[in-house]
Amino acid sequence: MIIILMISSALTFFSEDNTEEQEYNDYVFINNNGIWLTTYENQRLTFEYSPKELEYFLLQNFDITPITYLVLNKPYDINQYEVQRLTAFLRLKGVNVQFACLPNQECQDDTLLVASCEGEYLVMNLKQAQENSVVKENNCITLNHGDNRVIDRISYKILGIMD
């Protein structure tokens, strides 16, 4: 009896499935131990939040331009995880990402371009903040980044998974 109980416990343990599946705009998302996976143009992408978890996070309409300037504010650096993810998603859509500064802003690097919100290209300004928000002004989008909800939400927009 003890042997049967041990075997059935082991089988129950191994059969537990820690995955959840959601469909969103013809994309299948699988939650595997807290990470959401989907396939996009034959590539496996990972997210911390599913699109359904971010539906409340509305964005103003904006267009991704062939060249997009990414403004980093201290203490960000180009190698930071969120910056790499955002850059990778933009490049996946064929966007040429250029790191830049805004006018009247202290640049971290003298070789960076100065991008204007009045220009023809999109400028994404990534700032650390307590609260998540996205503010659009002319051709500038300020991503106030409290956690990775902002990065995931803007990434879904860039990829066309969410509006």
C-alpha atoms as a PDB file:
ATOM      1  CA  MET A   1       0.000   0.000   0.000  1.00  0.00           C
ATOM      2  CA  ILE A   2       2.847   2.408   0.841  1.00  0.00           C
ATOM      3  CA  ILE A   3       4.575   1.620  -2.471  1.00  0.00           C
ATOM      4  CA  ILE A   4       1.361   2.338  -4.426  1.00  0.00           C
ATOM      5  CA  LEU A   5       0.932   5.621  -2.540  1.00  0.00           C
ATOM      6  CA  MET A   6       4.531   6.658  -3.300  1.00  0.00           C
ATOM      7  CA  ILE A   7       4.209   5.813  -6.999  1.00  0.00           C
ATOM      8  CA  SER A   8       0.916   7.696  -7.363  1.00  0.00           C
ATOM      9  CA  SER A   9       2.419  10.738  -5.588  1.00  0.00           C
ATOM     10  CA  ALA A  10       5.408  10.704  -7.925  1.00  0.00           C
ATOM     11  CA  LEU A  11       3.175  10.422 -10.997  1.00  0.00           C
ATOM     12  CA  THR A  12       1.032  13.336  -9.764  1.00  0.00           C
ATOM     13  CA  PHE A  13       4.164  15.437  -9.200  1.00  0.00           C
ATOM     14  CA  PHE A  14       5.509  14.768 -12.700  1.00  0.00           C
ATOM     15  CA  SER A  15       2.148  15.341 -14.378  1.00  0.00           C
ATOM     16  CA  GLU A  16       1.675  18.815 -12.869  1.00  0.00           C
ATOM     17  CA  ASP A  17       1.664  21.337 -15.659  1.00  0.00           C
ATOM     18  CA  ASN A  18       2.832  24.840 -14.736  1.00  0.00           C
ATOM     19  CA  THR A  19       1.779  26.326 -18.063  1.00  0.00           C
ATOM     20  CA  GLU A  20      -1.141  28.506 -19.035  1.00  0.00           C
ATOM     21  CA  GLU A  21      -2.149  29.319 -22.586  1.00  0.00           C
ATOM     22  CA  GLN A  22      -3.854  32.456 -23.924  1.00  0.00           C
ATOM     23  CA  GLU A  23      -4.718  33.556 -27.434  1.00  0.00           C
ATOM     24  CA  TYR A  24      -4.530  37.225 -28.335  1.00  0.00           C
ATOM     25  CA  ASN A  25      -4.996  38.666 -31.856  1.00  0.00           C
ATOM     26  CA  ASP A  26      -4.097  35.347 -33.507  1.00  0.00           C
ATOM     27  CA  TYR A  27      -0.965  34.899 -31.361  1.00  0.00           C
ATOM     28  CA  VAL A  28      -0.722  32.079 -28.853  1.00  0.00           C
ATOM     29  CA  PHE A  29       0.958  32.984 -25.572  1.00  0.00           C
ATOM     30  CA  ILE A  30       2.164  30.293 -23.217  1.00  0.00           C
ATOM     31  CA  ASN A  31       3.012  31.103 -19.622  1.00  0.00           C
ATOM     32  CA  ASN A  32       5.857  28.871 -18.590  1.00  0.00           C
ATOM     33  CA  ASN A  33       6.729  29.463 -14.930  1.00  0.00           C
ATOM     34  CA  GLY A  34       5.957  33.182 -15.066  1.00  0.00           C
ATOM     35  CA  ILE A  35       7.423  33.945 -18.507  1.00  0.00           C
ATOM     36  CA  TRP A  36       5.077  34.481 -21.453  1.00  0.00           C
ATOM     37  CA  LEU A  37       6.302  32.941 -24.717  1.00  0.00           C
ATOM     38  CA  THR A  38       4.985  33.496 -28.219  1.00  0.00           C
ATOM     39  CA  THR A  39       6.173  32.932 -31.765  1.00  0.00           C
ATOM     40  CA  TYR A  40       6.491  36.012 -33.949  1.00  0.00           C
ATOM     41  CA  GLU A  41       7.760  35.691 -37.533  1.00  0.00           C
ATOM     42  CA  ASN A  42       9.308  32.284 -36.706  1.00  0.00           C
ATOM     43  CA  GLN A  43      11.121  33.653 -33.660  1.00  0.00           C
ATOM     44  CA  ARG A  44      10.391  32.772 -30.049  1.00  0.00           C
ATOM     45  CA  LEU A  45       9.844  35.934 -27.988  1.00  0.00           C
ATOM     46  CA  THR A  46       9.537  36.259 -24.223  1.00  0.00           C
ATOM     47  CA  PHE A  47       7.600  38.746 -22.120  1.00  0.00           C
ATOM     48  CA  GLU A  48       6.956  39.239 -18.421  1.00  0.00           C
ATOM     49  CA  TYR A  49       3.309  40.198 -18.996  1.00  0.00           C
ATOM     50  CA  SER A  50       0.692  38.856 -21.385  1.00  0.00           C
ATOM     51  CA  PRO A  51      -1.239  41.256 -23.631  1.00  0.00           C
ATOM     52  CA  LYS A  52      -4.400  40.550 -21.606  1.00  0.00           C
ATOM     53  CA  GLU A  53      -2.629  41.761 -18.464  1.00  0.00           C
ATOM     54  CA  LEU A  54      -1.796  45.043 -20.233  1.00  0.00           C
ATOM     55  CA  GLU A  55      -5.113  45.826 -21.946  1.00  0.00           C
ATOM     56  CA  TYR A  56      -5.823  48.541 -19.375  1.00  0.00           C
ATOM     57  CA  PHE A  57      -2.610  50.339 -20.428  1.00  0.00           C
ATOM     58  CA  LEU A  58      -3.838  52.555 -23.265  1.00  0.00           C
ATOM     59  CA  LEU A  59      -1.381  54.257 -25.594  1.00  0.00           C
ATOM     60  CA  GLN A  60      -1.846  57.316 -27.731  1.00  0.00           C
ATOM     61  CA  ASN A  61      -1.494  56.637 -31.426  1.00  0.00           C
ATOM     62  CA  PHE A  62       2.000  56.960 -32.857  1.00  0.00           C
ATOM     63  CA  ASP A  63       3.873  55.590 -35.834  1.00  0.00           C
ATOM     64  CA  ILE A  64       7.193  53.812 -35.746  1.00  0.00           C
ATOM     65  CA  THR A  65       9.538  55.524 -38.201  1.00  0.00           C
ATOM     66  CA  PRO A  66      12.356  53.840 -40.194  1.00  0.00           C
ATOM     67  CA  ILE A  67      14.848  55.639 -37.969  1.00  0.00           C
ATOM     68  CA  THR A  68      13.878  55.897 -34.321  1.00  0.00           C
ATOM     69  CA  TYR A  69      15.918  57.765 -31.758  1.00  0.00           C
ATOM     70  CA  LEU A  70      16.210  56.259 -28.302  1.00  0.00           C
ATOM     71  CA  VAL A  71      17.050  58.722 -25.549  1.00  0.00           C
ATOM     72  CA  LEU A  72      18.514  57.282 -22.374  1.00  0.00           C
ATOM     73  CA  ASN A  73      18.437  59.169 -19.107  1.00  0.00           C
ATOM     74  CA  LYS A  74      20.783  58.530 -16.223  1.00  0.00           C
ATOM     75  CA  PRO A  75      21.197  55.958 -14.702  1.00  0.00           C
ATOM     76  CA  TYR A  76      20.425  54.012 -17.888  1.00  0.00           C
ATOM     77  CA  ASP A  77      23.144  52.698 -20.109  1.00  0.00           C
ATOM     78  CA  ILE A  78      23.064  51.085 -23.521  1.00  0.00           C
ATOM     79  CA  ASN A  79      23.743  47.596 -22.125  1.00  0.00           C
ATOM     80  CA  GLN A  80      20.823  47.561 -19.715  1.00  0.00           C
ATOM     81  CA  TYR A  81      18.332  44.714 -20.175  1.00  0.00           C
ATOM     82  CA  GLU A  82      15.269  46.895 -20.900  1.00  0.00           C
ATOM     83  CA  VAL A  83      17.185  48.982 -23.455  1.00  0.00           C
ATOM     84  CA  GLN A  84      18.447  45.841 -25.198  1.00  0.00           C
ATOM     85  CA  ARG A  85      14.927  44.356 -25.356  1.00  0.00           C
ATOM     86  CA  LEU A  86      13.349  47.533 -26.710  1.00  0.00           C
ATOM     87  CA  THR A  87      16.124  47.904 -29.277  1.00  0.00           C
ATOM     88  CA  ALA A  88      15.787  44.252 -30.327  1.00  0.00           C
ATOM     89  CA  PHE A  89      12.012  44.570 -30.882  1.00  0.00           C
ATOM     90  CA  LEU A  90      12.490  47.738 -32.934  1.00  0.00           C
ATOM     91  CA  ARG A  91      15.194  46.087 -35.048  1.00  0.00           C
ATOM     92  CA  LEU A  92      12.970  43.040 -35.526  1.00  0.00           C
ATOM     93  CA  LYS A  93      10.554  45.421 -37.273  1.00  0.00           C
ATOM     94  CA  GLY A  94      13.371  46.772 -39.470  1.00  0.00           C
ATOM     95  CA  VAL A  95      13.827  50.005 -37.533  1.00  0.00           C
ATOM     96  CA  ASN A  96      17.258  51.619 -37.435  1.00  0.00           C
ATOM     97  CA  VAL A  97      17.710  52.562 -33.758  1.00  0.00           C
ATOM     98  CA  GLN A  98      19.971  55.510 -33.013  1.00  0.00           C
ATOM     99  CA  PHE A  99      20.884  56.546 -29.474  1.00  0.00           C
ATOM    100  CA  ALA A 100      20.457  60.271 -28.929  1.00  0.00           C
ATOM    101  CA  CYS A 101      19.991  63.132 -26.489  1.00  0.00           C
ATOM    102  CA  LEU A 102      17.247  65.728 -26.328  1.00  0.00           C
ATOM    103  CA  PRO A 103      18.050  69.422 -26.753  1.00  0.00           C
ATOM    104  CA  ASN A 104      18.986  71.096 -23.444  1.00  0.00           C
ATOM    105  CA  GLN A 105      19.785  67.700 -21.911  1.00  0.00           C
ATOM    106  CA  GLU A 106      23.125  66.657 -20.512  1.00  0.00           C
ATOM    107  CA  CYS A 107      24.400  63.970 -22.888  1.00  0.00           C
ATOM    108  CA  GLN A 108      26.151  60.929 -21.477  1.00  0.00           C
ATOM    109  CA  ASP A 109      28.302  60.774 -24.596  1.00  0.00           C
ATOM    110  CA  ASP A 110      29.521  63.637 -26.783  1.00  0.00           C
ATOM    111  CA  THR A 111      29.155  61.467 -29.896  1.00  0.00           C
ATOM    112  CA  LEU A 112      25.369  61.090 -29.535  1.00  0.00           C
ATOM    113  CA  LEU A 113      23.033  62.908 -31.893  1.00  0.00           C
ATOM    114  CA  VAL A 114      20.627  65.538 -30.605  1.00  0.00           C
ATOM    115  CA  ALA A 115      17.083  64.553 -31.552  1.00  0.00           C
ATOM    116  CA  SER A 116      14.155  66.959 -31.574  1.00  0.00           C
ATOM    117  CA  CYS A 117      10.502  66.223 -30.888  1.00  0.00           C
ATOM    118  CA  GLU A 118       9.722  68.506 -33.816  1.00  0.00           C
ATOM    119  CA  GLY A 119      11.658  66.336 -36.296  1.00  0.00           C
ATOM    120  CA  GLU A 120      10.332  63.783 -38.741  1.00  0.00           C
ATOM    121  CA  TYR A 121      11.525  60.714 -36.828  1.00  0.00           C
ATOM    122  CA  LEU A 122      10.118  59.138 -33.689  1.00  0.00           C
ATOM    123  CA  VAL A 123      12.008  59.863 -30.468  1.00  0.00           C
ATOM    124  CA  MET A 124      11.535  57.426 -27.567  1.00  0.00           C
ATOM    125  CA  ASN A 125      12.672  58.845 -24.247  1.00  0.00           C
ATOM    126  CA  LEU A 126      13.211  56.086 -21.667  1.00  0.00           C
ATOM    127  CA  LYS A 127      13.079  57.315 -18.053  1.00  0.00           C
ATOM    128  CA  GLN A 128      13.046  55.487 -14.753  1.00  0.00           C
ATOM    129  CA  ALA A 129       9.999  56.464 -12.702  1.00  0.00           C
ATOM    130  CA  GLN A 130       7.882  55.334  -9.773  1.00  0.00           C
ATOM    131  CA  GLU A 131       4.783  54.895 -11.932  1.00  0.00           C
ATOM    132  CA  ASN A 132       4.340  53.494 -15.431  1.00  0.00           C
ATOM    133  CA  SER A 133       3.109  55.899 -18.075  1.00  0.00           C
ATOM    134  CA  VAL A 134       3.591  56.799 -21.694  1.00  0.00           C
ATOM    135  CA  VAL A 135       3.351  60.462 -22.655  1.00  0.00           C
ATOM    136  CA  LYS A 136       3.274  61.602 -26.278  1.00  0.00           C
ATOM    137  CA  GLU A 137       4.284  65.107 -27.319  1.00  0.00           C
ATOM    138  CA  ASN A 138       4.694  65.788 -31.048  1.00  0.00           C
ATOM    139  CA  ASN A 139       7.116  63.102 -32.292  1.00  0.00           C
ATOM    140  CA  CYS A 140       8.406  62.272 -28.788  1.00  0.00           C
ATOM    141  CA  ILE A 141       7.170  59.442 -26.622  1.00  0.00           C
ATOM    142  CA  THR A 142       8.342  59.433 -23.013  1.00  0.00           C
ATOM    143  CA  LEU A 143       8.305  55.959 -21.488  1.00  0.00           C
ATOM    144  CA  ASN A 144       8.135  56.425 -17.717  1.00  0.00           C
ATOM    145  CA  HIS A 145       9.395  53.042 -16.659  1.00  0.00           C
ATOM    146  CA  GLY A 146       8.466  51.818 -13.193  1.00  0.00           C
ATOM    147  CA  ASP A 147       8.628  48.140 -14.108  1.00  0.00           C
ATOM    148  CA  ASN A 148       8.639  46.091 -17.294  1.00  0.00           C
ATOM    149  CA  ARG A 149       4.924  46.647 -17.995  1.00  0.00           C
ATOM    150  CA  VAL A 150       5.872  49.730 -20.043  1.00  0.00           C
ATOM    151  CA  ILE A 151       8.531  47.860 -22.025  1.00  0.00           C
ATOM    152  CA  ASP A 152       6.213  44.909 -22.717  1.00  0.00           C
ATOM    153  CA  ARG A 153       3.280  47.172 -23.626  1.00  0.00           C
ATOM    154  CA  ILE A 154       5.274  49.335 -26.038  1.00  0.00           C
ATOM    155  CA  SER A 155       6.875  46.183 -27.496  1.00  0.00           C
ATOM    156  CA  TYR A 156       3.439  44.693 -28.220  1.00  0.00           C
ATOM    157  CA  LYS A 157       2.552  47.968 -29.977  1.00  0.00           C
ATOM    158  CA  ILE A 158       5.784  47.953 -32.002  1.00  0.00           C
ATOM    159  CA  LEU A 159       5.198  44.357 -33.104  1.00  0.00           C
ATOM    160  CA  GLY A 160       1.535  45.033 -33.968  1.00  0.00           C
ATOM    161  CA  ILE A 161       0.234  42.508 -31.456  1.00  0.00           C
ATOM    162  CA  MET A 162      -1.676  45.262 -29.617  1.00  0.00           C
ATOM    163  CA  ASP A 163      -2.867  48.692 -30.782  1.00  0.00           C
END
